[in-house]
Amino acid sequence: MTVVPTVNCKCGKAFCFGCKVDDHMPAPCYLVDKWLRKCKDDSETANWLKANTKECTKCRSTIEKNGGCNHMTCRECQYHFCWVCMGPWNEHGQQFYNCNRFNEDSSKNARDSVSKSRAQLERYLHYYTRYNNHEQSVKLARQLLATTEKNMEQMQREMTLSWIEVQFLSDAVDVLSVCRMTLKWSYVLAYYMMSDNQKIIFENNQSDLEMATEQLNELVENPIGQWSIEDIKRKIIDKSTYVKSRWETLLSDTSLGLQENRWQFED
């Protein structure tokens, strides 16, 4: 099994050479086709999940997501939480990050048909929620780019910088967009993977990229603050470089893993 290359058109659109769907690396075409058909069959569930509001788990105030970053702060009670899993944000540090993993025990322990159906739905919702969240974040990146351009103009005015000197912000948004798209399709691959040690390795790479992407997103959304321009630039460039390295690691390891038939996939 090999990965079909992505074609980059002069107009800026990236798509798969094999199936003509938008760039879906690292997921192979046949899994993408299965996933899209499944999402279409479960359209009512998908429509429900696409609602862009949730409740704060602490004070029950309605929260609306208006940026790509998943670090949410409730305006009412100042509670910090993750938009995806709704858990406390302080548990999303480097050593505790497991937001991307689904607990397979609920599926394994289900005995009757109703419990099995519920467990299967919960598993699907876990992966679809994260797939859909990255899809929405890619769309929000366009808004982020507009905000970034305003920040770049502000930096030029207030800090007498040239356009080239503030280009690092725009470059970081490009990195975010590419990585969000890769993370989106990585959940399709993970959904169909059989649970074993090889999947754990894949999910480790996935979580590293996801956590670094979230950190970069936070930096880009709030670049002008307590830091000097030199600190801002260094932090964003360093984090962008690290995110790109994690992105390359995920794609290269996945490509090799598919060629080696490293994973078993569910029918």
Protein backbone atom coordinates (compact mmCIF):
# COMPACT_ATOMS: atom_id res chain seq x y z
CA MET A 1 0.00 0.00 0.00
CA THR A 2 1.45 3.40 -0.99
CA VAL A 3 0.51 7.02 -0.42
CA VAL A 4 -0.82 8.81 -3.51
CA PRO A 5 0.95 12.15 -4.01
CA THR A 6 -0.71 15.51 -3.48
CA VAL A 7 -0.97 17.93 -6.39
CA ASN A 8 -0.56 21.66 -5.72
CA CYS A 9 -2.31 23.79 -8.33
CA LYS A 10 -1.10 27.29 -9.23
CA CYS A 11 -4.38 28.64 -7.84
CA GLY A 12 -3.37 27.39 -4.37
CA LYS A 13 -5.69 24.37 -4.18
CA ALA A 14 -4.10 21.09 -3.05
CA PHE A 15 -5.77 17.81 -4.00
CA CYS A 16 -5.07 14.10 -4.22
CA PHE A 17 -3.74 12.90 -7.58
CA GLY A 18 -5.60 9.59 -7.20
CA CYS A 19 -9.15 10.44 -6.08
CA LYS A 20 -9.22 14.24 -6.69
CA VAL A 21 -10.46 14.85 -3.13
CA ASP A 22 -8.80 17.74 -1.27
CA ASP A 23 -5.38 16.83 0.13
CA HIS A 24 -6.08 14.02 2.60
CA MET A 25 -2.63 12.87 3.68
CA PRO A 26 -1.90 10.76 5.68
CA ALA A 27 -5.09 8.72 5.05
CA PRO A 28 -5.09 6.50 1.90
CA CYS A 29 -7.82 7.02 -0.70
CA TYR A 30 -9.88 3.91 0.06
CA LEU A 31 -10.20 4.83 3.76
CA VAL A 32 -11.13 8.40 2.83
CA ASP A 33 -13.89 7.05 0.58
CA LYS A 34 -15.20 4.77 3.36
CA TRP A 35 -15.13 7.60 5.89
CA LEU A 36 -16.92 10.12 3.66
CA ARG A 37 -19.64 7.58 2.88
CA LYS A 38 -20.00 6.81 6.60
CA CYS A 39 -20.27 10.50 7.47
CA LYS A 40 -22.93 10.91 4.79
CA ASP A 41 -24.89 7.96 6.19
CA ASP A 42 -24.66 9.47 9.68
CA SER A 43 -25.59 12.93 8.41
CA GLU A 44 -28.00 13.73 11.26
CA THR A 45 -25.30 13.00 13.81
CA ALA A 46 -22.83 15.05 11.78
CA ASN A 47 -25.22 18.00 11.54
CA TRP A 48 -25.76 17.94 15.28
CA LEU A 49 -22.03 17.91 15.94
CA LYS A 50 -21.40 20.84 13.63
CA ALA A 51 -23.25 23.16 15.99
CA ASN A 52 -20.69 25.73 17.05
CA THR A 53 -21.78 26.27 20.65
CA LYS A 54 -21.24 24.32 23.87
CA GLU A 55 -21.79 24.91 27.55
CA CYS A 56 -19.09 25.69 30.10
CA THR A 57 -18.84 22.58 32.26
CA LYS A 58 -18.36 24.74 35.36
CA CYS A 59 -21.04 27.47 35.15
CA ARG A 60 -23.12 26.23 32.17
CA SER A 61 -22.77 29.50 30.25
CA THR A 62 -23.00 29.18 26.47
CA ILE A 63 -19.57 29.28 24.81
CA GLU A 64 -19.00 30.07 21.14
CA LYS A 65 -15.77 29.10 19.39
CA ASN A 66 -14.51 31.98 17.25
CA GLY A 67 -10.89 30.95 16.74
CA GLY A 68 -8.85 27.92 15.76
CA CYS A 69 -7.25 27.40 19.17
CA ASN A 70 -8.92 24.81 21.44
CA HIS A 71 -7.85 26.56 24.67
CA MET A 72 -11.14 28.13 25.78
CA THR A 73 -11.76 30.60 28.61
CA CYS A 74 -15.30 31.10 29.88
CA ARG A 75 -16.10 34.81 30.00
CA GLU A 76 -18.43 34.28 32.93
CA CYS A 77 -16.34 32.23 35.37
CA GLN A 78 -12.86 32.35 33.72
CA TYR A 79 -12.68 28.54 33.63
CA HIS A 80 -9.98 27.27 31.24
CA PHE A 81 -10.95 24.13 29.33
CA CYS A 82 -10.44 22.18 26.10
CA TRP A 83 -13.08 22.72 23.40
CA VAL A 84 -12.71 19.15 22.10
CA CYS A 85 -12.90 17.00 25.25
CA MET A 86 -14.27 19.73 27.61
CA GLY A 87 -11.67 18.74 30.21
CA PRO A 88 -9.51 21.19 32.24
CA TRP A 89 -6.89 22.83 30.05
CA ASN A 90 -4.15 22.35 32.65
CA GLU A 91 -4.35 18.61 31.93
CA HIS A 92 -3.29 19.25 28.34
CA GLY A 93 0.37 19.76 29.14
CA GLN A 94 3.10 17.73 27.53
CA GLN A 95 3.01 14.80 29.96
CA PHE A 96 -0.76 14.50 30.23
CA TYR A 97 -1.92 15.10 26.66
CA ASN A 98 -4.16 12.25 25.52
CA CYS A 99 -7.08 14.18 24.04
CA ASN A 100 -6.57 12.37 20.72
CA ARG A 101 -6.98 8.86 22.15
CA PHE A 102 -10.24 6.94 22.45
CA ASN A 103 -10.70 4.60 25.41
CA GLU A 104 -11.30 1.28 23.66
CA ASP A 105 -12.34 -0.46 26.90
CA SER A 106 -15.96 0.66 26.51
CA SER A 107 -16.17 -1.12 23.15
CA LYS A 108 -14.43 -4.26 24.39
CA ASN A 109 -16.59 -4.56 27.53
CA ALA A 110 -19.92 -4.05 25.76
CA ARG A 111 -21.94 -7.28 25.89
CA ASP A 112 -25.48 -6.85 24.59
CA SER A 113 -26.38 -5.41 21.19
CA VAL A 114 -27.60 -2.09 22.60
CA SER A 115 -24.39 -1.56 24.58
CA LYS A 116 -22.30 -2.48 21.55
CA SER A 117 -24.21 -0.05 19.35
CA ARG A 118 -23.79 2.72 21.92
CA ALA A 119 -20.08 1.97 22.26
CA GLN A 120 -19.65 2.02 18.48
CA LEU A 121 -21.44 5.37 18.28
CA GLU A 122 -19.29 6.81 21.07
CA ARG A 123 -16.17 5.65 19.25
CA TYR A 124 -17.34 7.21 15.98
CA LEU A 125 -18.24 10.47 17.76
CA HIS A 126 -14.80 10.61 19.37
CA TYR A 127 -13.03 10.52 16.02
CA TYR A 128 -15.60 12.56 14.10
CA THR A 129 -15.58 15.35 16.71
CA ARG A 130 -11.82 15.77 16.37
CA TYR A 131 -11.93 15.39 12.57
CA ASN A 132 -14.65 18.04 12.37
CA ASN A 133 -12.91 20.34 14.85
CA HIS A 134 -9.76 20.50 12.73
CA GLU A 135 -11.90 21.06 9.63
CA GLN A 136 -13.56 24.04 11.32
CA SER A 137 -10.17 25.31 12.51
CA VAL A 138 -8.89 25.27 8.92
CA LYS A 139 -11.84 27.49 7.94
CA LEU A 140 -11.20 29.77 10.91
CA ALA A 141 -7.58 30.09 9.78
CA ARG A 142 -8.84 32.39 7.01
CA GLN A 143 -10.23 34.71 9.66
CA LEU A 144 -7.02 34.32 11.62
CA LEU A 145 -5.06 35.39 8.55
CA ALA A 146 -7.09 38.62 8.37
CA THR A 147 -6.43 39.26 12.07
CA THR A 148 -2.76 38.41 11.58
CA GLU A 149 -2.45 40.94 8.76
CA LYS A 150 -3.87 43.62 11.09
CA ASN A 151 -1.32 42.62 13.75
CA MET A 152 1.43 42.82 11.16
CA GLU A 153 0.31 46.31 10.17
CA GLN A 154 0.20 47.32 13.85
CA MET A 155 3.73 46.02 14.37
CA GLN A 156 4.89 47.99 11.35
CA ARG A 157 3.37 51.22 12.64
CA GLU A 158 4.31 50.96 16.30
CA MET A 159 7.69 49.27 15.99
CA THR A 160 8.85 50.75 12.67
CA LEU A 161 9.33 47.34 11.11
CA SER A 162 9.30 46.44 7.43
CA TRP A 163 6.70 44.11 5.90
CA ILE A 164 9.37 41.43 5.49
CA GLU A 165 10.26 41.63 9.20
CA VAL A 166 6.70 40.76 10.28
CA GLN A 167 6.13 38.07 7.63
CA PHE A 168 6.81 35.38 10.24
CA LEU A 169 3.19 35.75 11.45
CA SER A 170 1.75 34.98 8.02
CA ASP A 171 4.16 32.06 7.63
CA ALA A 172 2.97 30.65 10.97
CA VAL A 173 -0.67 30.78 9.83
CA ASP A 174 0.29 28.81 6.70
CA VAL A 175 1.94 26.17 8.91
CA LEU A 176 -1.19 25.99 11.07
CA SER A 177 -3.47 25.49 8.06
CA VAL A 178 -1.37 22.65 6.65
CA CYS A 179 -1.04 20.90 10.02
CA ARG A 180 -4.75 21.24 10.81
CA MET A 181 -5.58 19.55 7.52
CA THR A 182 -3.14 16.72 8.21
CA LEU A 183 -4.52 16.26 11.74
CA LYS A 184 -8.05 16.22 10.38
CA TRP A 185 -7.32 13.25 8.10
CA SER A 186 -5.10 11.55 10.68
CA TYR A 187 -8.27 10.85 12.69
CA VAL A 188 -9.73 8.98 9.72
CA LEU A 189 -6.67 6.76 9.65
CA ALA A 190 -6.84 6.26 13.42
CA TYR A 191 -10.55 5.42 13.33
CA TYR A 192 -10.00 2.41 11.07
CA MET A 193 -6.78 1.22 12.76
CA MET A 194 -6.92 -1.93 14.85
CA SER A 195 -5.92 -1.18 18.43
CA ASP A 196 -2.37 -2.44 19.09
CA ASN A 197 1.11 -1.17 19.93
CA GLN A 198 1.62 0.18 16.42
CA LYS A 199 -1.48 2.35 16.79
CA ILE A 200 -0.11 3.69 20.08
CA ILE A 201 3.05 4.80 18.27
CA PHE A 202 0.95 6.51 15.60
CA GLU A 203 -1.14 8.26 18.24
CA ASN A 204 2.01 9.43 20.02
CA ASN A 205 3.12 11.17 16.81
CA GLN A 206 -0.40 12.51 16.34
CA SER A 207 -0.62 13.92 19.87
CA ASP A 208 2.84 15.54 19.59
CA LEU A 209 1.78 17.34 16.42
CA GLU A 210 -1.62 18.28 17.81
CA MET A 211 -0.24 19.69 21.06
CA ALA A 212 2.44 21.71 19.25
CA THR A 213 -0.16 23.01 16.77
CA GLU A 214 -2.38 24.20 19.61
CA GLN A 215 0.55 25.99 21.24
CA LEU A 216 1.46 27.73 17.98
CA ASN A 217 -2.18 28.68 17.41
CA GLU A 218 -2.28 30.39 20.82
CA LEU A 219 0.90 32.31 20.09
CA VAL A 220 -0.34 33.51 16.70
CA GLU A 221 -3.78 34.54 17.97
CA ASN A 222 -2.25 36.67 20.75
CA PRO A 223 1.15 37.89 19.50
CA ILE A 224 1.05 41.44 20.82
CA GLY A 225 1.21 41.44 24.59
CA GLN A 226 3.76 41.41 27.34
CA TRP A 227 6.68 40.35 25.12
CA SER A 228 9.03 42.44 23.04
CA ILE A 229 8.95 42.07 19.25
CA GLU A 230 12.20 40.10 19.41
CA ASP A 231 10.70 37.63 21.89
CA ILE A 232 7.47 37.31 19.91
CA LYS A 233 9.32 36.66 16.69
CA ARG A 234 11.68 34.13 18.26
CA LYS A 235 8.89 32.24 20.03
CA ILE A 236 6.69 32.01 16.93
CA ILE A 237 9.51 31.10 14.55
CA ASP A 238 10.88 28.46 16.95
CA LYS A 239 7.44 26.95 17.51
CA SER A 240 6.65 27.01 13.77
CA THR A 241 9.90 25.17 13.07
CA TYR A 242 9.10 22.57 15.72
CA VAL A 243 5.54 22.11 14.43
CA LYS A 244 6.83 21.57 10.89
CA SER A 245 9.30 18.95 12.17
CA ARG A 246 6.47 17.08 13.96
CA TRP A 247 4.32 17.34 10.83
CA GLU A 248 7.12 15.86 8.70
CA THR A 249 7.67 13.08 11.26
CA LEU A 250 3.99 12.10 11.23
CA LEU A 251 3.74 12.06 7.44
CA SER A 252 7.04 10.26 6.80
CA ASP A 253 6.40 7.62 9.47
CA THR A 254 2.84 7.08 8.24
CA SER A 255 3.96 6.76 4.63
CA LEU A 256 6.58 4.17 5.63
CA GLY A 257 4.09 2.37 7.87
CA LEU A 258 1.55 2.03 5.04
CA GLN A 259 4.22 0.69 2.69
CA GLU A 260 5.31 -1.85 5.32
CA ASN A 261 1.70 -2.85 6.15
CA ARG A 262 2.49 -1.92 9.73
CA TRP A 263 -1.17 -1.49 10.71
CA GLN A 264 -4.21 -3.69 10.47
CA PHE A 265 -7.42 -1.92 9.46
CA GLU A 266 -11.00 -2.75 10.37
CA ASP A 267 -13.41 -3.57 7.55
